[in-house]
Amino acid sequence: MCRVGILSQMTKVEIQFRLERPLDDALMARIANVSSIYGIQKIRVDPALTSVNVEYDATRLRPAEVHSALASAGIPVAPKW
């Protein structure tokens, strides 16, 4: 019997969003909570604090859905695509 791990079935993609306002503690907490959304793997804030990079499973989400998840969490971002 052949076992395939869940991670090997994912297609990881990274997308960048521009922050529409400066980060504060409340936004940082929201960003931390978004990483628990199904399909989102990792979120990184760039060193300049002007954008966020989101790594997600492209077999589960599309770019517009990632954007919608961030917006629904109250994170003011605009797509960079």
C-alpha atoms as a PDB file:
ATOM      1  CA  MET A   1       0.000   0.000   0.000  1.00  0.00           C
ATOM      2  CA  CYS A   2       1.399   3.376  -0.999  1.00  0.00           C
ATOM      3  CA  ARG A   3       0.866   6.353   1.288  1.00  0.00           C
ATOM      4  CA  VAL A   4       1.073   9.881   0.018  1.00  0.00           C
ATOM      5  CA  GLY A   5       1.436  12.653   2.592  1.00  0.00           C
ATOM      6  CA  ILE A   6      -0.972  15.561   2.606  1.00  0.00           C
ATOM      7  CA  LEU A   7       1.822  18.068   2.003  1.00  0.00           C
ATOM      8  CA  SER A   8       2.866  16.328  -1.205  1.00  0.00           C
ATOM      9  CA  GLN A   9      -0.648  16.815  -2.596  1.00  0.00           C
ATOM     10  CA  MET A  10      -0.556  20.614  -2.187  1.00  0.00           C
ATOM     11  CA  THR A  11       0.444  23.186  -4.734  1.00  0.00           C
ATOM     12  CA  LYS A  12       2.052  25.951  -2.719  1.00  0.00           C
ATOM     13  CA  VAL A  13       1.832  29.427  -4.195  1.00  0.00           C
ATOM     14  CA  GLU A  14       2.908  32.760  -2.772  1.00  0.00           C
ATOM     15  CA  ILE A  15       1.134  36.021  -3.505  1.00  0.00           C
ATOM     16  CA  GLN A  16       1.886  39.546  -2.344  1.00  0.00           C
ATOM     17  CA  PHE A  17      -0.618  42.164  -1.183  1.00  0.00           C
ATOM     18  CA  ARG A  18       0.024  45.846  -0.523  1.00  0.00           C
ATOM     19  CA  LEU A  19      -1.049  47.104   2.898  1.00  0.00           C
ATOM     20  CA  GLU A  20      -3.370  50.075   2.542  1.00  0.00           C
ATOM     21  CA  ARG A  21      -2.514  51.484   5.970  1.00  0.00           C
ATOM     22  CA  PRO A  22       0.334  51.103   8.457  1.00  0.00           C
ATOM     23  CA  LEU A  23       0.426  48.056  10.685  1.00  0.00           C
ATOM     24  CA  ASP A  24      -0.559  48.349  14.322  1.00  0.00           C
ATOM     25  CA  ASP A  25      -0.980  45.752  17.075  1.00  0.00           C
ATOM     26  CA  ALA A  26      -4.597  45.041  16.119  1.00  0.00           C
ATOM     27  CA  LEU A  27      -3.671  44.360  12.483  1.00  0.00           C
ATOM     28  CA  MET A  28      -0.785  42.122  13.537  1.00  0.00           C
ATOM     29  CA  ALA A  29      -3.204  40.056  15.636  1.00  0.00           C
ATOM     30  CA  ARG A  30      -5.598  39.783  12.678  1.00  0.00           C
ATOM     31  CA  ILE A  31      -2.764  38.660  10.426  1.00  0.00           C
ATOM     32  CA  ALA A  32      -1.839  35.977  12.938  1.00  0.00           C
ATOM     33  CA  ASN A  33      -5.451  34.738  12.974  1.00  0.00           C
ATOM     34  CA  VAL A  34      -5.705  34.513   9.171  1.00  0.00           C
ATOM     35  CA  SER A  35      -3.026  31.833   9.118  1.00  0.00           C
ATOM     36  CA  SER A  36      -5.588  29.487  10.668  1.00  0.00           C
ATOM     37  CA  ILE A  37      -7.855  29.730   7.592  1.00  0.00           C
ATOM     38  CA  TYR A  38      -8.031  26.461   5.672  1.00  0.00           C
ATOM     39  CA  GLY A  39      -5.620  26.547   2.740  1.00  0.00           C
ATOM     40  CA  ILE A  40      -3.454  29.431   3.974  1.00  0.00           C
ATOM     41  CA  GLN A  41      -0.050  28.119   4.981  1.00  0.00           C
ATOM     42  CA  LYS A  42       1.999  31.132   6.015  1.00  0.00           C
ATOM     43  CA  ILE A  43       1.808  34.930   6.125  1.00  0.00           C
ATOM     44  CA  ARG A  44       4.891  37.155   6.223  1.00  0.00           C
ATOM     45  CA  VAL A  45       5.007  40.919   6.625  1.00  0.00           C
ATOM     46  CA  ASP A  46       7.777  42.492   4.555  1.00  0.00           C
ATOM     47  CA  PRO A  47      10.549  44.318   6.444  1.00  0.00           C
ATOM     48  CA  ALA A  48       9.356  47.708   5.200  1.00  0.00           C
ATOM     49  CA  LEU A  49       5.882  46.931   6.677  1.00  0.00           C
ATOM     50  CA  THR A  50       4.190  47.907   3.417  1.00  0.00           C
ATOM     51  CA  SER A  51       3.025  44.513   2.167  1.00  0.00           C
ATOM     52  CA  VAL A  52       2.255  40.945   3.188  1.00  0.00           C
ATOM     53  CA  ASN A  53       3.192  37.735   1.401  1.00  0.00           C
ATOM     54  CA  VAL A  54       0.735  34.881   1.719  1.00  0.00           C
ATOM     55  CA  GLU A  55       1.706  31.301   1.006  1.00  0.00           C
ATOM     56  CA  TYR A  56      -1.349  29.193   0.250  1.00  0.00           C
ATOM     57  CA  ASP A  57      -2.484  25.905  -1.228  1.00  0.00           C
ATOM     58  CA  ALA A  58      -3.574  26.626  -4.798  1.00  0.00           C
ATOM     59  CA  THR A  59      -5.571  23.386  -4.906  1.00  0.00           C
ATOM     60  CA  ARG A  60      -7.819  24.869  -2.189  1.00  0.00           C
ATOM     61  CA  LEU A  61      -7.871  28.632  -2.841  1.00  0.00           C
ATOM     62  CA  ARG A  62      -7.593  31.109  -5.689  1.00  0.00           C
ATOM     63  CA  PRO A  63      -5.942  34.551  -5.403  1.00  0.00           C
ATOM     64  CA  ALA A  64      -9.310  36.315  -5.135  1.00  0.00           C
ATOM     65  CA  GLU A  65     -10.319  33.991  -2.289  1.00  0.00           C
ATOM     66  CA  VAL A  66      -7.089  34.725  -0.417  1.00  0.00           C
ATOM     67  CA  HIS A  67      -7.749  38.439  -0.854  1.00  0.00           C
ATOM     68  CA  SER A  68     -11.312  37.978   0.362  1.00  0.00           C
ATOM     69  CA  ALA A  69     -10.118  36.068   3.445  1.00  0.00           C
ATOM     70  CA  LEU A  70      -7.725  38.885   4.341  1.00  0.00           C
ATOM     71  CA  ALA A  71     -10.400  41.541   3.781  1.00  0.00           C
ATOM     72  CA  SER A  72     -12.958  39.571   5.806  1.00  0.00           C
ATOM     73  CA  ALA A  73     -10.474  39.443   8.676  1.00  0.00           C
ATOM     74  CA  GLY A  74     -10.256  43.244   8.576  1.00  0.00           C
ATOM     75  CA  ILE A  75      -6.806  43.440   7.025  1.00  0.00           C
ATOM     76  CA  PRO A  76      -6.741  46.382   4.592  1.00  0.00           C
ATOM     77  CA  VAL A  77      -4.872  45.011   1.571  1.00  0.00           C
ATOM     78  CA  ALA A  78      -4.902  45.549  -2.160  1.00  0.00           C
ATOM     79  CA  PRO A  79      -3.747  42.923  -4.653  1.00  0.00           C
ATOM     80  CA  LYS A  80      -0.432  43.557  -6.368  1.00  0.00           C
ATOM     81  CA  TRP A  81      -1.350  41.471  -9.433  1.00  0.00           C
END
